[in-house]
Amino acid sequence: MCNVSLKDRLRTDELRGRLNLESTGRCVQNRRLCWFGHIERMDKSFWVSRCRAVEMSGSVDRGRPKKTWEEVIKMDLRKRRVSKDLARDTVD
């Protein structure tokens, strides 16, 4: 692909640039934010929207708790410097 072999020892970032591809992390982040916008626009009575407010009971393990989906979305929004309200806008 693009006349590069392993012997050339090029970095992945450089190959991605030559092929106009985005990084895997960026691609996952895009899809996650698209899903978040979809969920935000849903009717609040739909089961997916109601699941976001579920509180689990039981004991908590020691250490830092696992990141929640909401925490990851907040980090993604902060990295992109966009507000949560932007998710309600649709692009036609």
Protein backbone atom coordinates (compact mmCIF):
# COMPACT_ATOMS: atom_id res chain seq x y z
CA MET A 1 0.00 0.00 0.00
CA CYS A 2 1.40 3.38 -1.09
CA ASN A 3 4.70 1.61 -1.98
CA VAL A 4 5.85 1.22 1.62
CA SER A 5 7.34 -1.92 3.10
CA LEU A 6 8.33 -2.87 6.62
CA LYS A 7 11.95 -2.19 5.69
CA ASP A 8 11.11 1.51 5.33
CA ARG A 9 10.33 1.61 9.07
CA LEU A 10 7.79 4.44 8.80
CA ARG A 11 5.72 5.46 11.79
CA THR A 12 2.01 4.65 11.79
CA ASP A 13 1.16 8.35 12.07
CA GLU A 14 3.04 9.09 8.87
CA LEU A 15 1.30 6.27 7.00
CA ARG A 16 -2.08 7.46 8.25
CA GLY A 17 -1.25 10.94 6.98
CA ARG A 18 -0.31 9.64 3.54
CA LEU A 19 -3.52 7.61 3.30
CA ASN A 20 -5.75 10.36 4.79
CA LEU A 21 -6.97 8.08 7.59
CA GLU A 22 -7.91 9.13 11.09
CA SER A 23 -6.56 7.35 14.16
CA THR A 24 -8.48 4.50 15.73
CA GLY A 25 -9.03 6.51 18.92
CA ARG A 26 -10.45 9.43 16.98
CA CYS A 27 -12.74 7.10 15.02
CA VAL A 28 -14.06 5.50 18.24
CA GLN A 29 -14.55 8.95 19.75
CA ASN A 30 -16.55 10.09 16.70
CA ARG A 31 -18.85 7.07 16.87
CA ARG A 32 -19.31 7.47 20.63
CA LEU A 33 -20.30 11.13 20.23
CA CYS A 34 -22.67 10.24 17.38
CA TRP A 35 -24.37 7.68 19.62
CA PHE A 36 -24.51 10.23 22.44
CA GLY A 37 -26.28 12.72 20.14
CA HIS A 38 -28.71 10.00 19.09
CA ILE A 39 -29.49 9.18 22.74
CA GLU A 40 -29.86 12.87 23.66
CA ARG A 41 -32.42 13.41 20.91
CA MET A 42 -34.49 10.36 21.93
CA ASP A 43 -37.74 10.67 23.82
CA LYS A 44 -37.04 10.53 27.58
CA SER A 45 -39.60 7.75 28.03
CA PHE A 46 -37.67 5.37 25.74
CA TRP A 47 -35.92 2.54 27.60
CA VAL A 48 -32.41 3.55 26.51
CA SER A 49 -32.86 7.03 27.96
CA ARG A 50 -34.26 5.63 31.19
CA CYS A 51 -31.27 3.28 31.60
CA ARG A 52 -28.97 6.29 31.88
CA ALA A 53 -30.51 7.22 35.23
CA VAL A 54 -30.35 3.75 36.83
CA GLU A 55 -28.59 3.60 40.19
CA MET A 56 -27.07 0.26 41.16
CA SER A 57 -27.16 -0.98 44.74
CA GLY A 58 -24.58 -3.16 46.42
CA SER A 59 -21.04 -2.96 47.75
CA VAL A 60 -18.29 -1.05 46.02
CA ASP A 61 -14.82 -2.50 45.45
CA ARG A 62 -11.72 -0.75 46.71
CA GLY A 63 -9.88 1.69 44.49
CA ARG A 64 -11.09 4.00 41.80
CA PRO A 65 -14.39 2.95 40.27
CA LYS A 66 -14.48 2.11 36.57
CA LYS A 67 -15.20 5.03 34.27
CA THR A 68 -18.82 5.40 33.36
CA TRP A 69 -20.05 6.10 29.87
CA GLU A 70 -21.09 9.58 31.01
CA GLU A 71 -17.54 10.34 32.24
CA VAL A 72 -16.04 9.26 28.92
CA ILE A 73 -18.55 11.40 27.00
CA LYS A 74 -17.71 14.42 29.16
CA MET A 75 -13.99 13.90 28.43
CA ASP A 76 -14.71 13.58 24.69
CA LEU A 77 -16.77 16.77 24.70
CA ARG A 78 -14.03 18.59 26.62
CA LYS A 79 -11.36 17.41 24.14
CA ARG A 80 -13.45 18.65 21.21
CA ARG A 81 -14.35 21.87 23.07
CA VAL A 82 -18.06 21.49 22.36
CA SER A 83 -21.05 21.70 24.66
CA LYS A 84 -23.53 19.00 25.53
CA ASP A 85 -26.30 21.14 24.01
CA LEU A 86 -24.74 20.75 20.57
CA ALA A 87 -25.80 17.08 20.60
CA ARG A 88 -29.44 18.11 20.24
CA ASP A 89 -28.70 19.82 16.91
CA THR A 90 -28.98 17.57 13.90
CA VAL A 91 -27.01 17.94 10.70
CA ASP A 92 -29.04 17.35 7.55
